[in-house]
Amino acid sequence: MDMKLELIPLPVTDVDRSKSYYTTILGFTLDHDVEPGNGMRIVQLTPPGSACSVVIGSGMSADTPDGQTVQGLHLVVDDIAAARDLLRSRGADISDISDMGGVKFAYFSDPDGNSWVLQQMGQR
């Protein structure tokens, strides 16, 4: 039986600001931005090359109380230095690269404090 992780809801306070951050700064693809009614808005975004997307919005059952965030989402890349440089050139506030025994990491957060990790795997 396959189990595929395909969608991660992220809490945000300003949907338009977050949509801009994820598309402009991180380069995610905008899959959907729909308002089906009753104050609900669903914005689905996918990282380049990923089968898993994130969803932000308002009026969804996935809304979380103020102050809660999602922590430690990993974006695995082939060249962390190039990925870090690209994100920095687009305005991301991203940490220096740390090497943990051949696996490299760099850390950043979105405007609402949801935290992300760039990860480059060592030799497999």
PDB file of N, CA and C in Angstrom:
ATOM      1  N   MET A   1       0.846  -1.173   0.000  1.00  0.00           N
ATOM      2  CA  MET A   1       0.000   0.000   0.000  1.00  0.00           C
ATOM      3  C   MET A   1       0.894   1.239   0.000  1.00  0.00           C
ATOM      4  N   ASP A   2       0.685   2.121  -0.967  1.00  0.00           N
ATOM      5  CA  ASP A   2       1.403   3.387  -1.023  1.00  0.00           C
ATOM      6  C   ASP A   2       0.781   4.374  -0.051  1.00  0.00           C
ATOM      7  N   MET A   3       1.602   5.175   0.562  1.00  0.00           N
ATOM      8  CA  MET A   3       1.151   6.320   1.363  1.00  0.00           C
ATOM      9  C   MET A   3       1.994   7.497   0.937  1.00  0.00           C
ATOM     10  N   LYS A   4       1.369   8.460   0.311  1.00  0.00           N
ATOM     11  CA  LYS A   4       2.095   9.595  -0.234  1.00  0.00           C
ATOM     12  C   LYS A   4       1.717  10.858   0.523  1.00  0.00           C
ATOM     13  N   LEU A   5       2.712  11.516   1.051  1.00  0.00           N
ATOM     14  CA  LEU A   5       2.486  12.814   1.674  1.00  0.00           C
ATOM     15  C   LEU A   5       2.377  13.830   0.546  1.00  0.00           C
ATOM     16  N   GLU A   6       1.222  14.476   0.442  1.00  0.00           N
ATOM     17  CA  GLU A   6       1.000  15.365  -0.687  1.00  0.00           C
ATOM     18  C   GLU A   6       0.677  16.795  -0.310  1.00  0.00           C
ATOM     19  N   LEU A   7       0.250  17.056   0.930  1.00  0.00           N
ATOM     20  CA  LEU A   7      -0.179  18.407   1.281  1.00  0.00           C
ATOM     21  C   LEU A   7       0.068  18.680   2.762  1.00  0.00           C
ATOM     22  N   ILE A   8       0.709  19.812   3.034  1.00  0.00           N
ATOM     23  CA  ILE A   8       0.971  20.226   4.410  1.00  0.00           C
ATOM     24  C   ILE A   8       0.332  21.595   4.624  1.00  0.00           C
ATOM     25  N   PRO A   9      -0.648  21.693   5.547  1.00  0.00           N
ATOM     26  CA  PRO A   9      -1.244  22.996   5.853  1.00  0.00           C
ATOM     27  C   PRO A   9      -0.296  23.837   6.708  1.00  0.00           C
ATOM     28  N   LEU A  10      -0.150  25.108   6.360  1.00  0.00           N
ATOM     29  CA  LEU A  10       0.684  26.031   7.118  1.00  0.00           C
ATOM     30  C   LEU A  10      -0.173  27.180   7.642  1.00  0.00           C
ATOM     31  N   PRO A  11      -0.052  27.490   8.925  1.00  0.00           N
ATOM     32  CA  PRO A  11      -0.791  28.640   9.456  1.00  0.00           C
ATOM     33  C   PRO A  11      -0.117  29.945   9.041  1.00  0.00           C
ATOM     34  N   VAL A  12      -0.917  30.891   8.562  1.00  0.00           N
ATOM     35  CA  VAL A  12      -0.409  32.201   8.181  1.00  0.00           C
ATOM     36  C   VAL A  12      -1.388  33.272   8.658  1.00  0.00           C
ATOM     37  N   THR A  13      -0.877  34.481   8.851  1.00  0.00           N
ATOM     38  CA  THR A  13      -1.733  35.582   9.283  1.00  0.00           C
ATOM     39  C   THR A  13      -2.162  36.478   8.131  1.00  0.00           C
ATOM     40  N   ASP A  14      -1.384  36.499   7.054  1.00  0.00           N
ATOM     41  CA  ASP A  14      -1.680  37.336   5.895  1.00  0.00           C
ATOM     42  C   ASP A  14      -1.473  36.480   4.647  1.00  0.00           C
ATOM     43  N   VAL A  15      -2.553  36.012   4.059  1.00  0.00           N
ATOM     44  CA  VAL A  15      -2.483  35.080   2.929  1.00  0.00           C
ATOM     45  C   VAL A  15      -1.735  35.689   1.747  1.00  0.00           C
ATOM     46  N   ASP A  16      -2.027  36.938   1.405  1.00  0.00           N
ATOM     47  CA  ASP A  16      -1.365  37.555   0.250  1.00  0.00           C
ATOM     48  C   ASP A  16       0.130  37.724   0.478  1.00  0.00           C
ATOM     49  N   ARG A  17       0.527  38.136   1.682  1.00  0.00           N
ATOM     50  CA  ARG A  17       1.959  38.278   1.993  1.00  0.00           C
ATOM     51  C   ARG A  17       2.648  36.924   1.888  1.00  0.00           C
ATOM     52  N   SER A  18       2.029  35.881   2.433  1.00  0.00           N
ATOM     53  CA  SER A  18       2.620  34.544   2.392  1.00  0.00           C
ATOM     54  C   SER A  18       2.672  34.008   0.971  1.00  0.00           C
ATOM     55  N   LYS A  19       1.613  34.218   0.210  1.00  0.00           N
ATOM     56  CA  LYS A  19       1.597  33.779  -1.193  1.00  0.00           C
ATOM     57  C   LYS A  19       2.750  34.430  -1.954  1.00  0.00           C
ATOM     58  N   SER A  20       2.957  35.718  -1.742  1.00  0.00           N
ATOM     59  CA  SER A  20       4.050  36.425  -2.398  1.00  0.00           C
ATOM     60  C   SER A  20       5.405  35.871  -1.963  1.00  0.00           C
ATOM     61  N   TYR A  21       5.575  35.614  -0.672  1.00  0.00           N
ATOM     62  CA  TYR A  21       6.832  35.066  -0.158  1.00  0.00           C
ATOM     63  C   TYR A  21       7.141  33.722  -0.812  1.00  0.00           C
ATOM     64  N   TYR A  22       6.169  32.830  -0.816  1.00  0.00           N
ATOM     65  CA  TYR A  22       6.408  31.485  -1.335  1.00  0.00           C
ATOM     66  C   TYR A  22       6.615  31.469  -2.853  1.00  0.00           C
ATOM     67  N   THR A  23       5.950  32.344  -3.592  1.00  0.00           N
ATOM     68  CA  THR A  23       6.137  32.357  -5.043  1.00  0.00           C
ATOM     69  C   THR A  23       7.345  33.184  -5.462  1.00  0.00           C
ATOM     70  N   THR A  24       7.490  34.375  -4.902  1.00  0.00           N
ATOM     71  CA  THR A  24       8.547  35.290  -5.330  1.00  0.00           C
ATOM     72  C   THR A  24       9.897  34.958  -4.706  1.00  0.00           C
ATOM     73  N   ILE A  25       9.938  34.741  -3.400  1.00  0.00           N
ATOM     74  CA  ILE A  25      11.214  34.499  -2.705  1.00  0.00           C
ATOM     75  C   ILE A  25      11.657  33.043  -2.865  1.00  0.00           C
ATOM     76  N   LEU A  26      10.738  32.098  -2.600  1.00  0.00           N
ATOM     77  CA  LEU A  26      11.128  30.685  -2.634  1.00  0.00           C
ATOM     78  C   LEU A  26      10.958  30.035  -4.006  1.00  0.00           C
ATOM     79  N   GLY A  27      10.204  30.666  -4.904  1.00  0.00           N
ATOM     80  CA  GLY A  27      10.036  30.116  -6.246  1.00  0.00           C
ATOM     81  C   GLY A  27       9.060  28.955  -6.337  1.00  0.00           C
ATOM     82  N   PHE A  28       8.162  28.827  -5.346  1.00  0.00           N
ATOM     83  CA  PHE A  28       7.142  27.785  -5.395  1.00  0.00           C
ATOM     84  C   PHE A  28       6.169  28.093  -6.528  1.00  0.00           C
ATOM     85  N   THR A  29       5.579  27.049  -7.099  1.00  0.00           N
ATOM     86  CA  THR A  29       4.554  27.190  -8.129  1.00  0.00           C
ATOM     87  C   THR A  29       3.203  27.394  -7.455  1.00  0.00           C
ATOM     88  N   LEU A  30       2.441  28.371  -7.932  1.00  0.00           N
ATOM     89  CA  LEU A  30       1.085  28.589  -7.444  1.00  0.00           C
ATOM     90  C   LEU A  30       0.170  27.616  -8.184  1.00  0.00           C
ATOM     91  N   ASP A  31      -0.360  26.626  -7.464  1.00  0.00           N
ATOM     92  CA  ASP A  31      -1.238  25.627  -8.062  1.00  0.00           C
ATOM     93  C   ASP A  31      -2.685  26.095  -8.085  1.00  0.00           C
ATOM     94  N   HIS A  32      -3.138  26.667  -6.976  1.00  0.00           N
ATOM     95  CA  HIS A  32      -4.529  27.110  -6.850  1.00  0.00           C
ATOM     96  C   HIS A  32      -4.590  28.329  -5.940  1.00  0.00           C
ATOM     97  N   ASP A  33      -5.487  29.231  -6.234  1.00  0.00           N
ATOM     98  CA  ASP A  33      -5.864  30.321  -5.336  1.00  0.00           C
ATOM     99  C   ASP A  33      -7.358  30.506  -5.564  1.00  0.00           C
ATOM    100  N   VAL A  34      -8.142  29.852  -4.723  1.00  0.00           N
ATOM    101  CA  VAL A  34      -9.594  29.850  -4.925  1.00  0.00           C
ATOM    102  C   VAL A  34     -10.310  30.330  -3.667  1.00  0.00           C
ATOM    103  N   GLU A  35     -11.459  30.926  -3.885  1.00  0.00           N
ATOM    104  CA  GLU A  35     -12.333  31.366  -2.800  1.00  0.00           C
ATOM    105  C   GLU A  35     -13.700  30.723  -3.029  1.00  0.00           C
ATOM    106  N   PRO A  36     -13.914  29.520  -2.455  1.00  0.00           N
ATOM    107  CA  PRO A  36     -15.162  28.807  -2.710  1.00  0.00           C
ATOM    108  C   PRO A  36     -16.389  29.393  -2.013  1.00  0.00           C
ATOM    109  N   GLY A  37     -16.195  30.368  -1.146  1.00  0.00           N
ATOM    110  CA  GLY A  37     -17.325  31.003  -0.471  1.00  0.00           C
ATOM    111  C   GLY A  37     -17.221  30.920   1.037  1.00  0.00           C
ATOM    112  N   ASN A  38     -18.147  31.582   1.707  1.00  0.00           N
ATOM    113  CA  ASN A  38     -18.206  31.593   3.170  1.00  0.00           C
ATOM    114  C   ASN A  38     -16.902  32.052   3.826  1.00  0.00           C
ATOM    115  N   GLY A  39     -16.182  32.964   3.169  1.00  0.00           N
ATOM    116  CA  GLY A  39     -14.947  33.499   3.742  1.00  0.00           C
ATOM    117  C   GLY A  39     -13.751  32.581   3.618  1.00  0.00           C
ATOM    118  N   MET A  40     -13.890  31.496   2.900  1.00  0.00           N
ATOM    119  CA  MET A  40     -12.794  30.540   2.758  1.00  0.00           C
ATOM    120  C   MET A  40     -11.933  30.905   1.548  1.00  0.00           C
ATOM    121  N   ARG A  41     -10.618  30.796   1.745  1.00  0.00           N
ATOM    122  CA  ARG A  41      -9.665  30.974   0.657  1.00  0.00           C
ATOM    123  C   ARG A  41      -8.632  29.871   0.774  1.00  0.00           C
ATOM    124  N   ILE A  42      -8.334  29.224  -0.328  1.00  0.00           N
ATOM    125  CA  ILE A  42      -7.378  28.117  -0.361  1.00  0.00           C
ATOM    126  C   ILE A  42      -6.304  28.431  -1.393  1.00  0.00           C
ATOM    127  N   VAL A  43      -5.058  28.493  -0.932  1.00  0.00           N
ATOM    128  CA  VAL A  43      -3.916  28.757  -1.811  1.00  0.00           C
ATOM    129  C   VAL A  43      -2.962  27.571  -1.670  1.00  0.00           C
ATOM    130  N   GLN A  44      -2.773  26.847  -2.765  1.00  0.00           N
ATOM    131  CA  GLN A  44      -1.880  25.691  -2.762  1.00  0.00           C
ATOM    132  C   GLN A  44      -0.640  26.022  -3.572  1.00  0.00           C
ATOM    133  N   LEU A  45       0.534  25.718  -2.998  1.00  0.00           N
ATOM    134  CA  LEU A  45       1.821  26.039  -3.606  1.00  0.00           C
ATOM    135  C   LEU A  45       2.728  24.812  -3.545  1.00  0.00           C
ATOM    136  N   THR A  46       3.548  24.620  -4.586  1.00  0.00           N
ATOM    137  CA  THR A  46       4.417  23.444  -4.644  1.00  0.00           C
ATOM    138  C   THR A  46       5.861  23.869  -4.903  1.00  0.00           C
ATOM    139  N   PRO A  47       6.800  23.352  -4.088  1.00  0.00           N
ATOM    140  CA  PRO A  47       8.215  23.620  -4.344  1.00  0.00           C
ATOM    141  C   PRO A  47       8.640  23.027  -5.687  1.00  0.00           C
ATOM    142  N   PRO A  48       9.598  23.651  -6.376  1.00  0.00           N
ATOM    143  CA  PRO A  48      10.058  23.121  -7.658  1.00  0.00           C
ATOM    144  C   PRO A  48      10.539  21.679  -7.504  1.00  0.00           C
ATOM    145  N   GLY A  49      10.023  20.779  -8.337  1.00  0.00           N
ATOM    146  CA  GLY A  49      10.453  19.384  -8.332  1.00  0.00           C
ATOM    147  C   GLY A  49       9.832  18.515  -7.262  1.00  0.00           C
ATOM    148  N   SER A  50       8.921  19.051  -6.467  1.00  0.00           N
ATOM    149  CA  SER A  50       8.336  18.296  -5.355  1.00  0.00           C
ATOM    150  C   SER A  50       6.976  17.714  -5.722  1.00  0.00           C
ATOM    151  N   ALA A  51       6.656  16.578  -5.124  1.00  0.00           N
ATOM    152  CA  ALA A  51       5.321  15.995  -5.258  1.00  0.00           C
ATOM    153  C   ALA A  51       4.434  16.416  -4.091  1.00  0.00           C
ATOM    154  N   CYS A  52       5.014  17.074  -3.091  1.00  0.00           N
ATOM    155  CA  CYS A  52       4.270  17.510  -1.912  1.00  0.00           C
ATOM    156  C   CYS A  52       4.111  19.026  -1.955  1.00  0.00           C
ATOM    157  N   SER A  53       2.910  19.484  -1.657  1.00  0.00           N
ATOM    158  CA  SER A  53       2.598  20.909  -1.674  1.00  0.00           C
ATOM    159  C   SER A  53       2.307  21.405  -0.269  1.00  0.00           C
ATOM    160  N   VAL A  54       2.231  22.728  -0.141  1.00  0.00           N
ATOM    161  CA  VAL A  54       1.749  23.358   1.085  1.00  0.00           C
ATOM    162  C   VAL A  54       0.458  24.085   0.742  1.00  0.00           C
ATOM    163  N   VAL A  55      -0.398  24.252   1.746  1.00  0.00           N
ATOM    164  CA  VAL A  55      -1.623  25.011   1.555  1.00  0.00           C
ATOM    165  C   VAL A  55      -1.700  26.068   2.644  1.00  0.00           C
ATOM    166  N   ILE A  56      -2.043  27.283   2.228  1.00  0.00           N
ATOM    167  CA  ILE A  56      -2.274  28.388   3.151  1.00  0.00           C
ATOM    168  C   ILE A  56      -3.653  28.938   2.829  1.00  0.00           C
ATOM    169  N   GLY A  57      -4.201  29.720   3.707  1.00  0.00           N
ATOM    170  CA  GLY A  57      -5.490  30.299   3.396  1.00  0.00           C
ATOM    171  C   GLY A  57      -6.210  30.794   4.625  1.00  0.00           C
ATOM    172  N   SER A  58      -7.508  30.912   4.485  1.00  0.00           N
ATOM    173  CA  SER A  58      -8.348  31.380   5.587  1.00  0.00           C
ATOM    174  C   SER A  58      -9.675  30.639   5.536  1.00  0.00           C
ATOM    175  N   GLY A  59     -10.259  30.490   6.723  1.00  0.00           N
ATOM    176  CA  GLY A  59     -11.554  29.839   6.818  1.00  0.00           C
ATOM    177  C   GLY A  59     -11.523  28.345   6.598  1.00  0.00           C
ATOM    178  N   MET A  60     -10.345  27.735   6.658  1.00  0.00           N
ATOM    179  CA  MET A  60     -10.215  26.292   6.465  1.00  0.00           C
ATOM    180  C   MET A  60     -10.241  25.595   7.819  1.00  0.00           C
ATOM    181  N   SER A  61     -10.603  24.351   7.836  1.00  0.00           N
ATOM    182  CA  SER A  61     -10.605  23.596   9.086  1.00  0.00           C
ATOM    183  C   SER A  61      -9.193  23.419   9.624  1.00  0.00           C
ATOM    184  N   ALA A  62      -8.183  23.627   8.768  1.00  0.00           N
ATOM    185  CA  ALA A  62      -6.795  23.478   9.204  1.00  0.00           C
ATOM    186  C   ALA A  62      -6.277  24.730   9.910  1.00  0.00           C
ATOM    187  N   ASP A  63      -7.125  25.776  10.037  1.00  0.00           N
ATOM    188  CA  ASP A  63      -6.677  26.979  10.738  1.00  0.00           C
ATOM    189  C   ASP A  63      -6.221  26.604  12.142  1.00  0.00           C
ATOM    190  N   THR A  64      -5.146  27.235  12.595  1.00  0.00           N
ATOM    191  CA  THR A  64      -4.617  26.954  13.928  1.00  0.00           C
ATOM    192  C   THR A  64      -4.703  28.206  14.774  1.00  0.00           C
ATOM    193  N   PRO A  65      -4.683  28.038  16.100  1.00  0.00           N
ATOM    194  CA  PRO A  65      -4.716  29.216  16.965  1.00  0.00           C
ATOM    195  C   PRO A  65      -3.515  30.128  16.725  1.00  0.00           C
ATOM    196  N   ASP A  66      -3.708  31.401  17.023  1.00  0.00           N
ATOM    197  CA  ASP A  66      -2.623  32.369  16.852  1.00  0.00           C
ATOM    198  C   ASP A  66      -1.369  31.900  17.580  1.00  0.00           C
ATOM    199  N   GLY A  67      -0.240  32.151  16.964  1.00  0.00           N
ATOM    200  CA  GLY A  67       1.039  31.847  17.586  1.00  0.00           C
ATOM    201  C   GLY A  67       1.564  30.456  17.283  1.00  0.00           C
ATOM    202  N   GLN A  68       0.750  29.575  16.730  1.00  0.00           N
ATOM    203  CA  GLN A  68       1.246  28.239  16.406  1.00  0.00           C
ATOM    204  C   GLN A  68       1.875  28.252  15.020  1.00  0.00           C
ATOM    205  N   THR A  69       2.950  27.492  14.890  1.00  0.00           N
ATOM    206  CA  THR A  69       3.656  27.403  13.616  1.00  0.00           C
ATOM    207  C   THR A  69       4.032  25.952  13.345  1.00  0.00           C
ATOM    208  N   VAL A  70       4.434  25.695  12.121  1.00  0.00           N
ATOM    209  CA  VAL A  70       4.977  24.397  11.737  1.00  0.00           C
ATOM    210  C   VAL A  70       6.489  24.561  11.693  1.00  0.00           C
ATOM    211  N   GLN A  71       7.199  23.611  12.270  1.00  0.00           N
ATOM    212  CA  GLN A  71       8.646  23.730  12.396  1.00  0.00           C
ATOM    213  C   GLN A  71       9.384  22.608  11.672  1.00  0.00           C
ATOM    214  N   GLY A  72      10.512  22.965  11.058  1.00  0.00           N
ATOM    215  CA  GLY A  72      11.451  21.983  10.534  1.00  0.00           C
ATOM    216  C   GLY A  72      11.076  21.304   9.238  1.00  0.00           C
ATOM    217  N   LEU A  73      10.326  21.986   8.369  1.00  0.00           N
ATOM    218  CA  LEU A  73      10.030  21.416   7.062  1.00  0.00           C
ATOM    219  C   LEU A  73      11.313  21.405   6.223  1.00  0.00           C
ATOM    220  N   HIS A  74      11.622  20.293   5.600  1.00  0.00           N
ATOM    221  CA  HIS A  74      12.873  20.148   4.855  1.00  0.00           C
ATOM    222  C   HIS A  74      12.652  20.258   3.353  1.00  0.00           C
ATOM    223  N   LEU A  75      13.493  21.058   2.727  1.00  0.00           N
ATOM    224  CA  LEU A  75      13.590  21.120   1.272  1.00  0.00           C
ATOM    225  C   LEU A  75      14.948  20.524   0.911  1.00  0.00           C
ATOM    226  N   VAL A  76      14.948  19.347   0.310  1.00  0.00           N
ATOM    227  CA  VAL A  76      16.190  18.658  -0.020  1.00  0.00           C
ATOM    228  C   VAL A  76      16.659  19.123  -1.395  1.00  0.00           C
ATOM    229  N   VAL A  77      17.915  19.544  -1.458  1.00  0.00           N
ATOM    230  CA  VAL A  77      18.494  20.088  -2.689  1.00  0.00           C
ATOM    231  C   VAL A  77      19.789  19.359  -3.028  1.00  0.00           C
ATOM    232  N   ASP A  78      20.179  19.429  -4.295  1.00  0.00           N
ATOM    233  CA  ASP A  78      21.430  18.809  -4.729  1.00  0.00           C
ATOM    234  C   ASP A  78      22.637  19.682  -4.410  1.00  0.00           C
ATOM    235  N   ASP A  79      22.473  21.002  -4.478  1.00  0.00           N
ATOM    236  CA  ASP A  79      23.575  21.947  -4.260  1.00  0.00           C
ATOM    237  C   ASP A  79      23.100  23.020  -3.299  1.00  0.00           C
ATOM    238  N   ILE A  80      23.404  22.847  -2.021  1.00  0.00           N
ATOM    239  CA  ILE A  80      22.888  23.758  -1.000  1.00  0.00           C
ATOM    240  C   ILE A  80      23.450  25.164  -1.156  1.00  0.00           C
ATOM    241  N   ALA A  81      24.692  25.289  -1.567  1.00  0.00           N
ATOM    242  CA  ALA A  81      25.275  26.625  -1.726  1.00  0.00           C
ATOM    243  C   ALA A  81      24.543  27.399  -2.820  1.00  0.00           C
ATOM    244  N   ALA A  82      24.274  26.740  -3.940  1.00  0.00           N
ATOM    245  CA  ALA A  82      23.556  27.402  -5.031  1.00  0.00           C
ATOM    246  C   ALA A  82      22.128  27.734  -4.621  1.00  0.00           C
ATOM    247  N   ALA A  83      21.459  26.813  -3.937  1.00  0.00           N
ATOM    248  CA  ALA A  83      20.084  27.060  -3.490  1.00  0.00           C
ATOM    249  C   ALA A  83      20.043  28.198  -2.481  1.00  0.00           C
ATOM    250  N   ARG A  84      20.980  28.213  -1.544  1.00  0.00           N
ATOM    251  CA  ARG A  84      21.042  29.282  -0.546  1.00  0.00           C
ATOM    252  C   ARG A  84      21.283  30.626  -1.223  1.00  0.00           C
ATOM    253  N   ASP A  85      22.234  30.667  -2.152  1.00  0.00           N
ATOM    254  CA  ASP A  85      22.529  31.915  -2.861  1.00  0.00           C
ATOM    255  C   ASP A  85      21.304  32.423  -3.624  1.00  0.00           C
ATOM    256  N   LEU A  86      20.575  31.516  -4.275  1.00  0.00           N
ATOM    257  CA  LEU A  86      19.379  31.902  -5.021  1.00  0.00           C
ATOM    258  C   LEU A  86      18.327  32.486  -4.073  1.00  0.00           C
ATOM    259  N   LEU A  87      18.063  31.813  -2.965  1.00  0.00           N
ATOM    260  CA  LEU A  87      17.060  32.316  -2.023  1.00  0.00           C
ATOM    261  C   LEU A  87      17.480  33.651  -1.422  1.00  0.00           C
ATOM    262  N   ARG A  88      18.750  33.788  -1.090  1.00  0.00           N
ATOM    263  CA  ARG A  88      19.247  35.075  -0.560  1.00  0.00           C
ATOM    264  C   ARG A  88      19.092  36.180  -1.595  1.00  0.00           C
ATOM    265  N   SER A  89      19.359  35.881  -2.871  1.00  0.00           N
ATOM    266  CA  SER A  89      19.254  36.902  -3.914  1.00  0.00           C
ATOM    267  C   SER A  89      17.807  37.356  -4.097  1.00  0.00           C
ATOM    268  N   ARG A  90      16.863  36.503  -3.706  1.00  0.00           N
ATOM    269  CA  ARG A  90      15.446  36.843  -3.795  1.00  0.00           C
ATOM    270  C   ARG A  90      14.924  37.496  -2.515  1.00  0.00           C
ATOM    271  N   GLY A  91      15.776  37.595  -1.496  1.00  0.00           N
ATOM    272  CA  GLY A  91      15.383  38.282  -0.273  1.00  0.00           C
ATOM    273  C   GLY A  91      15.149  37.420   0.947  1.00  0.00           C
ATOM    274  N   ALA A  92      15.438  36.125   0.870  1.00  0.00           N
ATOM    275  CA  ALA A  92      15.253  35.261   2.044  1.00  0.00           C
ATOM    276  C   ALA A  92      16.343  35.527   3.070  1.00  0.00           C
ATOM    277  N   ASP A  93      15.953  35.545   4.329  1.00  0.00           N
ATOM    278  CA  ASP A  93      16.900  35.645   5.441  1.00  0.00           C
ATOM    279  C   ASP A  93      17.239  34.217   5.850  1.00  0.00           C
ATOM    280  N   ILE A  94      18.391  33.732   5.382  1.00  0.00           N
ATOM    281  CA  ILE A  94      18.748  32.325   5.550  1.00  0.00           C
ATOM    282  C   ILE A  94      20.105  32.209   6.230  1.00  0.00           C
ATOM    283  N   SER A  95      20.246  31.212   7.083  1.00  0.00           N
ATOM    284  CA  SER A  95      21.471  31.041   7.873  1.00  0.00           C
ATOM    285  C   SER A  95      22.650  30.645   6.998  1.00  0.00           C
ATOM    286  N   ASP A  96      23.829  30.660   7.611  1.00  0.00           N
ATOM    287  CA  ASP A  96      24.995  30.078   6.974  1.00  0.00           C
ATOM    288  C   ASP A  96      24.762  28.574   6.856  1.00  0.00           C
ATOM    289  N   ILE A  97      25.563  27.920   6.040  1.00  0.00           N
ATOM    290  CA  ILE A  97      25.468  26.471   5.858  1.00  0.00           C
ATOM    291  C   ILE A  97      26.259  25.792   6.963  1.00  0.00           C
ATOM    292  N   SER A  98      25.627  24.808   7.601  1.00  0.00           N
ATOM    293  CA  SER A  98      26.343  24.001   8.591  1.00  0.00           C
ATOM    294  C   SER A  98      26.485  22.588   8.045  1.00  0.00           C
ATOM    295  N   ASP A  99      27.633  21.979   8.347  1.00  0.00           N
ATOM    296  CA  ASP A  99      27.924  20.623   7.876  1.00  0.00           C
ATOM    297  C   ASP A  99      27.883  19.696   9.081  1.00  0.00           C
ATOM    298  N   MET A 100      26.959  18.752   9.051  1.00  0.00           N
ATOM    299  CA  MET A 100      26.801  17.800  10.146  1.00  0.00           C
ATOM    300  C   MET A 100      27.259  16.427   9.666  1.00  0.00           C
ATOM    301  N   GLY A 101      28.558  16.269   9.507  1.00  0.00           N
ATOM    302  CA  GLY A 101      29.104  14.980   9.094  1.00  0.00           C
ATOM    303  C   GLY A 101      28.770  14.594   7.667  1.00  0.00           C
ATOM    304  N   GLY A 102      28.804  15.543   6.763  1.00  0.00           N
ATOM    305  CA  GLY A 102      28.534  15.272   5.358  1.00  0.00           C
ATOM    306  C   GLY A 102      27.137  15.657   4.909  1.00  0.00           C
ATOM    307  N   VAL A 103      26.218  15.854   5.840  1.00  0.00           N
ATOM    308  CA  VAL A 103      24.881  16.347   5.512  1.00  0.00           C
ATOM    309  C   VAL A 103      24.872  17.830   5.858  1.00  0.00           C
ATOM    310  N   LYS A 104      24.494  18.657   4.895  1.00  0.00           N
ATOM    311  CA  LYS A 104      24.570  20.104   5.067  1.00  0.00           C
ATOM    312  C   LYS A 104      23.177  20.697   5.234  1.00  0.00           C
ATOM    313  N   PHE A 105      23.108  21.753   6.065  1.00  0.00           N
ATOM    314  CA  PHE A 105      21.841  22.395   6.382  1.00  0.00           C
ATOM    315  C   PHE A 105      21.969  23.910   6.350  1.00  0.00           C
ATOM    316  N   ALA A 106      20.874  24.588   5.989  1.00  0.00           N
ATOM    317  CA  ALA A 106      20.734  26.033   6.140  1.00  0.00           C
ATOM    318  C   ALA A 106      19.276  26.270   6.532  1.00  0.00           C
ATOM    319  N   TYR A 107      19.042  27.245   7.401  1.00  0.00           N
ATOM    320  CA  TYR A 107      17.736  27.422   8.031  1.00  0.00           C
ATOM    321  C   TYR A 107      17.135  28.791   7.714  1.00  0.00           C
ATOM    322  N   PHE A 108      15.806  28.817   7.567  1.00  0.00           N
ATOM    323  CA  PHE A 108      15.089  30.071   7.380  1.00  0.00           C
ATOM    324  C   PHE A 108      13.653  29.893   7.823  1.00  0.00           C
ATOM    325  N   SER A 109      12.940  30.997   7.952  1.00  0.00           N
ATOM    326  CA  SER A 109      11.524  30.974   8.331  1.00  0.00           C
ATOM    327  C   SER A 109      10.730  31.873   7.402  1.00  0.00           C
ATOM    328  N   ASP A 110       9.451  31.545   7.246  1.00  0.00           N
ATOM    329  CA  ASP A 110       8.569  32.412   6.470  1.00  0.00           C
ATOM    330  C   ASP A 110       8.133  33.589   7.342  1.00  0.00           C
ATOM    331  N   PRO A 111       7.389  34.541   6.803  1.00  0.00           N
ATOM    332  CA  PRO A 111       7.013  35.728   7.585  1.00  0.00           C
ATOM    333  C   PRO A 111       6.183  35.425   8.845  1.00  0.00           C
ATOM    334  N   ASP A 112       5.588  34.227   8.939  1.00  0.00           N
ATOM    335  CA  ASP A 112       4.790  33.869  10.107  1.00  0.00           C
ATOM    336  C   ASP A 112       5.533  32.980  11.095  1.00  0.00           C
ATOM    337  N   GLY A 113       6.804  32.687  10.826  1.00  0.00           N
ATOM    338  CA  GLY A 113       7.589  31.874  11.744  1.00  0.00           C
ATOM    339  C   GLY A 113       7.548  30.384  11.479  1.00  0.00           C
ATOM    340  N   ASN A 114       6.911  29.943  10.396  1.00  0.00           N
ATOM    341  CA  ASN A 114       7.004  28.535  10.007  1.00  0.00           C
ATOM    342  C   ASN A 114       8.444  28.305   9.549  1.00  0.00           C
ATOM    343  N   SER A 115       9.120  27.317  10.135  1.00  0.00           N
ATOM    344  CA  SER A 115      10.547  27.177   9.848  1.00  0.00           C
ATOM    345  C   SER A 115      10.830  26.106   8.804  1.00  0.00           C
ATOM    346  N   TRP A 116      11.838  26.396   8.009  1.00  0.00           N
ATOM    347  CA  TRP A 116      12.256  25.556   6.899  1.00  0.00           C
ATOM    348  C   TRP A 116      13.739  25.252   7.015  1.00  0.00           C
ATOM    349  N   VAL A 117      14.131  24.117   6.434  1.00  0.00           N
ATOM    350  CA  VAL A 117      15.526  23.703   6.408  1.00  0.00           C
ATOM    351  C   VAL A 117      15.874  23.326   4.973  1.00  0.00           C
ATOM    352  N   LEU A 118      16.933  23.928   4.432  1.00  0.00           N
ATOM    353  CA  LEU A 118      17.519  23.421   3.194  1.00  0.00           C
ATOM    354  C   LEU A 118      18.446  22.295   3.620  1.00  0.00           C
ATOM    355  N   GLN A 119      18.389  21.179   2.950  1.00  0.00           N
ATOM    356  CA  GLN A 119      19.230  20.043   3.303  1.00  0.00           C
ATOM    357  C   GLN A 119      19.864  19.466   2.050  1.00  0.00           C
ATOM    358  N   GLN A 120      21.163  19.276   2.124  1.00  0.00           N
ATOM    359  CA  GLN A 120      21.890  18.568   1.064  1.00  0.00           C
ATOM    360  C   GLN A 120      22.410  17.289   1.673  1.00  0.00           C
ATOM    361  N   MET A 121      21.959  16.171   1.121  1.00  0.00           N
ATOM    362  CA  MET A 121      22.366  14.871   1.629  1.00  0.00           C
ATOM    363  C   MET A 121      23.825  14.600   1.286  1.00  0.00           C
ATOM    364  N   GLY A 122      24.494  13.839   2.147  1.00  0.00           N
ATOM    365  CA  GLY A 122      25.848  13.399   1.854  1.00  0.00           C
ATOM    366  C   GLY A 122      25.813  12.288   0.818  1.00  0.00           C
ATOM    367  N   GLN A 123      26.930  11.644   0.620  1.00  0.00           N
ATOM    368  CA  GLN A 123      26.979  10.528  -0.330  1.00  0.00           C
ATOM    369  C   GLN A 123      26.045   9.428   0.140  1.00  0.00           C
ATOM    370  N   ARG A 124      25.265   8.899  -0.780  1.00  0.00           N
ATOM    371  CA  ARG A 124      24.347   7.792  -0.440  1.00  0.00           C
ATOM    372  C   ARG A 124      24.910   6.492  -0.960  1.00  0.00           C
TER     373      ARG A 124
END
